[in-house]
Amino acid sequence: MTDLGLTHIALPVTDLDRSLDFYAFYADMEVVHRRAGREGGVAWISDRTRPFVIVLIERDAVATPLAAPAHLGVALASRAEVDRRCDLARAAGLLIREPEQADPPVGYWAVLRDPDGHIVELTYGQQVGLTVEGAEGA
C-alpha cells in the first residue's frame, strides 16, 4: 500500500533515548523504526492510532525548536490523565501552561516543553475528528 496524505513530522533532538522516554510517557508513543543516521540515531515513533509518525533525528544541537504557537497536539483518554501528566511535567520543570478548559472544539488542554524545547499540547475532549467529519464537502 502506498502512503497518501500527511505521514510524518520530523524533529531534531539532542538525546534520542531521552526524547523517546519523553514521548513514550507523555504521548503514549512507541518506536516503530530505528536506525543510525548521518549524525546520530533516527527513530520513527507512533501512537499506532493512524498511519502517522514523528521522526526524531539526533543532532548535536537543536537550533530551532518547534515553538509556540507551533506545537504537537496529543489527545489523552481523560481529563484526569491530562492532570496526572501535568503534575509530573510540573515537577520535572516541563509544564509551561497549566491545564484549562476552553470552549468546543478545543476542550481541556495544557502545554509542555519536551527536552529539546519542542512544544507539546496535551488535550482531552478536543473535537478534531468531529470537526473534520463535519467539514466534509465544505
C-alpha atoms as a PDB file:
ATOM      1  CA  MET A   1       0.000   0.000   0.000  1.00  0.00           C
ATOM      2  CA  THR A   2       1.284   3.458  -0.887  1.00  0.00           C
ATOM      3  CA  ASP A   3       1.012   6.165   1.740  1.00  0.00           C
ATOM      4  CA  LEU A   4      -1.129   9.185   0.915  1.00  0.00           C
ATOM      5  CA  GLY A   5      -1.577  12.462   2.742  1.00  0.00           C
ATOM      6  CA  LEU A   6       0.297  13.713   5.780  1.00  0.00           C
ATOM      7  CA  THR A   7       2.508  10.867   7.043  1.00  0.00           C
ATOM      8  CA  HIS A   8       5.025  12.408   9.435  1.00  0.00           C
ATOM      9  CA  ILE A   9       6.697  15.370  11.040  1.00  0.00           C
ATOM     10  CA  ALA A  10      10.441  15.348  11.746  1.00  0.00           C
ATOM     11  CA  LEU A  11      12.027  16.917  14.821  1.00  0.00           C
ATOM     12  CA  PRO A  12      15.702  17.296  15.674  1.00  0.00           C
ATOM     13  CA  VAL A  13      16.667  16.080  19.168  1.00  0.00           C
ATOM     14  CA  THR A  14      19.958  16.107  21.066  1.00  0.00           C
ATOM     15  CA  ASP A  15      19.490  12.860  23.005  1.00  0.00           C
ATOM     16  CA  LEU A  16      17.401  10.277  21.190  1.00  0.00           C
ATOM     17  CA  ASP A  17      16.843   7.986  24.180  1.00  0.00           C
ATOM     18  CA  ARG A  18      15.769  10.895  26.420  1.00  0.00           C
ATOM     19  CA  SER A  19      13.293  12.038  23.752  1.00  0.00           C
ATOM     20  CA  LEU A  20      11.978   8.504  23.282  1.00  0.00           C
ATOM     21  CA  ASP A  21      11.314   8.316  27.022  1.00  0.00           C
ATOM     22  CA  PHE A  22       9.524  11.695  26.969  1.00  0.00           C
ATOM     23  CA  TYR A  23       7.234  10.812  24.049  1.00  0.00           C
ATOM     24  CA  ALA A  24       6.551   7.314  25.399  1.00  0.00           C
ATOM     25  CA  PHE A  25       5.393   8.759  28.711  1.00  0.00           C
ATOM     26  CA  TYR A  26       3.642  11.995  27.749  1.00  0.00           C
ATOM     27  CA  ALA A  27       2.274  10.986  24.313  1.00  0.00           C
ATOM     28  CA  ASP A  28       1.936   7.167  24.524  1.00  0.00           C
ATOM     29  CA  MET A  29       4.215   6.770  21.509  1.00  0.00           C
ATOM     30  CA  GLU A  30       6.488   3.836  20.758  1.00  0.00           C
ATOM     31  CA  VAL A  31       9.329   3.147  18.363  1.00  0.00           C
ATOM     32  CA  VAL A  32       8.177   1.562  15.100  1.00  0.00           C
ATOM     33  CA  HIS A  33      11.507   2.009  13.263  1.00  0.00           C
ATOM     34  CA  ARG A  34      15.026   2.860  14.424  1.00  0.00           C
ATOM     35  CA  ARG A  35      18.336   3.202  12.596  1.00  0.00           C
ATOM     36  CA  ALA A  36      21.654   5.014  12.606  1.00  0.00           C
ATOM     37  CA  GLY A  37      21.686   8.336  10.785  1.00  0.00           C
ATOM     38  CA  ARG A  38      24.476  10.556   9.471  1.00  0.00           C
ATOM     39  CA  GLU A  39      24.943  12.417  12.772  1.00  0.00           C
ATOM     40  CA  GLY A  40      23.228  10.123  15.273  1.00  0.00           C
ATOM     41  CA  GLY A  41      20.213   7.903  15.693  1.00  0.00           C
ATOM     42  CA  VAL A  42      16.890   8.214  13.918  1.00  0.00           C
ATOM     43  CA  ALA A  43      13.630   6.826  15.292  1.00  0.00           C
ATOM     44  CA  TRP A  44      10.088   6.800  13.974  1.00  0.00           C
ATOM     45  CA  ILE A  45       7.556   6.864  16.797  1.00  0.00           C
ATOM     46  CA  SER A  46       3.798   6.308  16.646  1.00  0.00           C
ATOM     47  CA  ASP A  47       0.803   6.012  18.927  1.00  0.00           C
ATOM     48  CA  ARG A  48      -0.457   3.374  16.438  1.00  0.00           C
ATOM     49  CA  THR A  49      -3.895   5.016  16.099  1.00  0.00           C
ATOM     50  CA  ARG A  50      -3.329   6.094  12.482  1.00  0.00           C
ATOM     51  CA  PRO A  51      -0.560   5.826   9.846  1.00  0.00           C
ATOM     52  CA  PHE A  52       1.412   8.822  11.129  1.00  0.00           C
ATOM     53  CA  VAL A  53       4.828   9.050  12.793  1.00  0.00           C
ATOM     54  CA  ILE A  54       7.065  11.602  14.411  1.00  0.00           C
ATOM     55  CA  VAL A  55      10.604  11.169  13.112  1.00  0.00           C
ATOM     56  CA  LEU A  56      13.163  12.030  15.791  1.00  0.00           C
ATOM     57  CA  ILE A  57      16.561  12.842  14.271  1.00  0.00           C
ATOM     58  CA  GLU A  58      19.526  13.081  16.625  1.00  0.00           C
ATOM     59  CA  ARG A  59      21.756  16.137  16.196  1.00  0.00           C
ATOM     60  CA  ASP A  60      24.442  17.867  18.247  1.00  0.00           C
ATOM     61  CA  ALA A  61      22.125  20.837  18.854  1.00  0.00           C
ATOM     62  CA  VAL A  62      18.552  21.941  18.175  1.00  0.00           C
ATOM     63  CA  ALA A  63      18.843  25.420  16.687  1.00  0.00           C
ATOM     64  CA  THR A  64      15.133  25.979  16.044  1.00  0.00           C
ATOM     65  CA  PRO A  65      12.738  24.010  18.245  1.00  0.00           C
ATOM     66  CA  LEU A  66       9.051  23.774  17.374  1.00  0.00           C
ATOM     67  CA  ALA A  67       7.967  26.878  19.302  1.00  0.00           C
ATOM     68  CA  ALA A  68       4.562  28.337  20.173  1.00  0.00           C
ATOM     69  CA  PRO A  69       2.220  28.799  18.548  1.00  0.00           C
ATOM     70  CA  ALA A  70       3.541  25.770  16.598  1.00  0.00           C
ATOM     71  CA  HIS A  71       3.100  22.539  18.586  1.00  0.00           C
ATOM     72  CA  LEU A  72       2.287  18.847  18.553  1.00  0.00           C
ATOM     73  CA  GLY A  73      -1.180  18.010  19.881  1.00  0.00           C
ATOM     74  CA  VAL A  74      -1.732  14.804  21.861  1.00  0.00           C
ATOM     75  CA  ALA A  75      -5.233  13.685  22.893  1.00  0.00           C
ATOM     76  CA  LEU A  76      -5.472  11.705  26.128  1.00  0.00           C
ATOM     77  CA  ALA A  77      -8.223   9.415  27.438  1.00  0.00           C
ATOM     78  CA  SER A  78      -9.437  11.632  30.299  1.00  0.00           C
ATOM     79  CA  ARG A  79      -9.171  14.990  31.990  1.00  0.00           C
ATOM     80  CA  ALA A  80      -7.664  13.194  34.997  1.00  0.00           C
ATOM     81  CA  GLU A  81      -4.920  11.810  32.739  1.00  0.00           C
ATOM     82  CA  VAL A  82      -4.095  15.311  31.473  1.00  0.00           C
ATOM     83  CA  ASP A  83      -3.877  16.464  35.098  1.00  0.00           C
ATOM     84  CA  ARG A  84      -1.725  13.492  36.150  1.00  0.00           C
ATOM     85  CA  ARG A  85       0.799  14.022  33.380  1.00  0.00           C
ATOM     86  CA  CYS A  86       0.817  17.777  34.004  1.00  0.00           C
ATOM     87  CA  ASP A  87       1.593  17.147  37.685  1.00  0.00           C
ATOM     88  CA  LEU A  88       4.620  15.104  36.666  1.00  0.00           C
ATOM     89  CA  ALA A  89       5.643  17.617  33.990  1.00  0.00           C
ATOM     90  CA  ARG A  90       5.358  20.438  36.530  1.00  0.00           C
ATOM     91  CA  ALA A  91       7.651  18.571  38.928  1.00  0.00           C
ATOM     92  CA  ALA A  92      10.135  17.991  36.096  1.00  0.00           C
ATOM     93  CA  GLY A  93      10.059  21.669  35.058  1.00  0.00           C
ATOM     94  CA  LEU A  94       8.427  20.858  31.706  1.00  0.00           C
ATOM     95  CA  LEU A  95       4.939  22.360  32.185  1.00  0.00           C
ATOM     96  CA  ILE A  96       4.667  25.789  30.582  1.00  0.00           C
ATOM     97  CA  ARG A  97       0.898  26.325  30.605  1.00  0.00           C
ATOM     98  CA  GLU A  98      -1.425  24.963  33.267  1.00  0.00           C
ATOM     99  CA  PRO A  99      -4.460  22.911  32.209  1.00  0.00           C
ATOM    100  CA  GLU A 100      -7.548  24.908  31.341  1.00  0.00           C
ATOM    101  CA  GLN A 101     -10.991  24.282  29.889  1.00  0.00           C
ATOM    102  CA  ALA A 102     -11.799  26.017  26.605  1.00  0.00           C
ATOM    103  CA  ASP A 103     -14.980  26.122  24.544  1.00  0.00           C
ATOM    104  CA  PRO A 104     -15.551  23.476  21.844  1.00  0.00           C
ATOM    105  CA  PRO A 105     -13.877  22.315  19.769  1.00  0.00           C
ATOM    106  CA  VAL A 106     -10.740  22.948  21.880  1.00  0.00           C
ATOM    107  CA  GLY A 107     -11.622  21.137  25.130  1.00  0.00           C
ATOM    108  CA  TYR A 108      -9.326  20.722  28.143  1.00  0.00           C
ATOM    109  CA  TRP A 109      -5.690  21.461  27.366  1.00  0.00           C
ATOM    110  CA  ALA A 110      -2.227  22.190  28.752  1.00  0.00           C
ATOM    111  CA  VAL A 111       1.224  22.821  27.271  1.00  0.00           C
ATOM    112  CA  LEU A 112       4.572  21.129  27.921  1.00  0.00           C
ATOM    113  CA  ARG A 113       8.063  21.594  26.587  1.00  0.00           C
ATOM    114  CA  ASP A 114       9.947  18.454  25.541  1.00  0.00           C
ATOM    115  CA  PRO A 115      13.644  18.043  26.492  1.00  0.00           C
ATOM    116  CA  ASP A 116      14.768  19.991  23.397  1.00  0.00           C
ATOM    117  CA  GLY A 117      12.223  22.800  23.678  1.00  0.00           C
ATOM    118  CA  HIS A 118       9.607  21.488  21.219  1.00  0.00           C
ATOM    119  CA  ILE A 119       6.072  22.423  22.331  1.00  0.00           C
ATOM    120  CA  VAL A 120       3.568  19.635  23.083  1.00  0.00           C
ATOM    121  CA  GLU A 121      -0.113  20.229  23.897  1.00  0.00           C
ATOM    122  CA  LEU A 122      -1.966  17.617  25.958  1.00  0.00           C
ATOM    123  CA  THR A 123      -5.737  17.601  25.481  1.00  0.00           C
ATOM    124  CA  TYR A 124      -8.921  15.878  26.476  1.00  0.00           C
ATOM    125  CA  GLY A 125     -12.240  16.387  24.711  1.00  0.00           C
ATOM    126  CA  GLN A 126     -10.785  18.206  21.741  1.00  0.00           C
ATOM    127  CA  GLN A 127     -13.115  17.634  18.811  1.00  0.00           C
ATOM    128  CA  VAL A 128     -10.698  17.259  15.910  1.00  0.00           C
ATOM    129  CA  GLY A 129     -12.395  14.145  14.485  1.00  0.00           C
ATOM    130  CA  LEU A 130     -15.889  15.632  14.761  1.00  0.00           C
ATOM    131  CA  THR A 131     -14.742  18.900  13.232  1.00  0.00           C
ATOM    132  CA  VAL A 132     -13.100  17.136  10.288  1.00  0.00           C
ATOM    133  CA  GLU A 133     -16.154  14.915   9.715  1.00  0.00           C
ATOM    134  CA  GLY A 134     -18.464  17.909   9.889  1.00  0.00           C
ATOM    135  CA  ALA A 135     -16.397  19.813   7.345  1.00  0.00           C
ATOM    136  CA  GLU A 136     -16.812  17.253   4.556  1.00  0.00           C
ATOM    137  CA  GLY A 137     -17.797  18.999   1.367  1.00  0.00           C
ATOM    138  CA  ALA A 138     -17.263  22.435   2.901  1.00  0.00           C
END
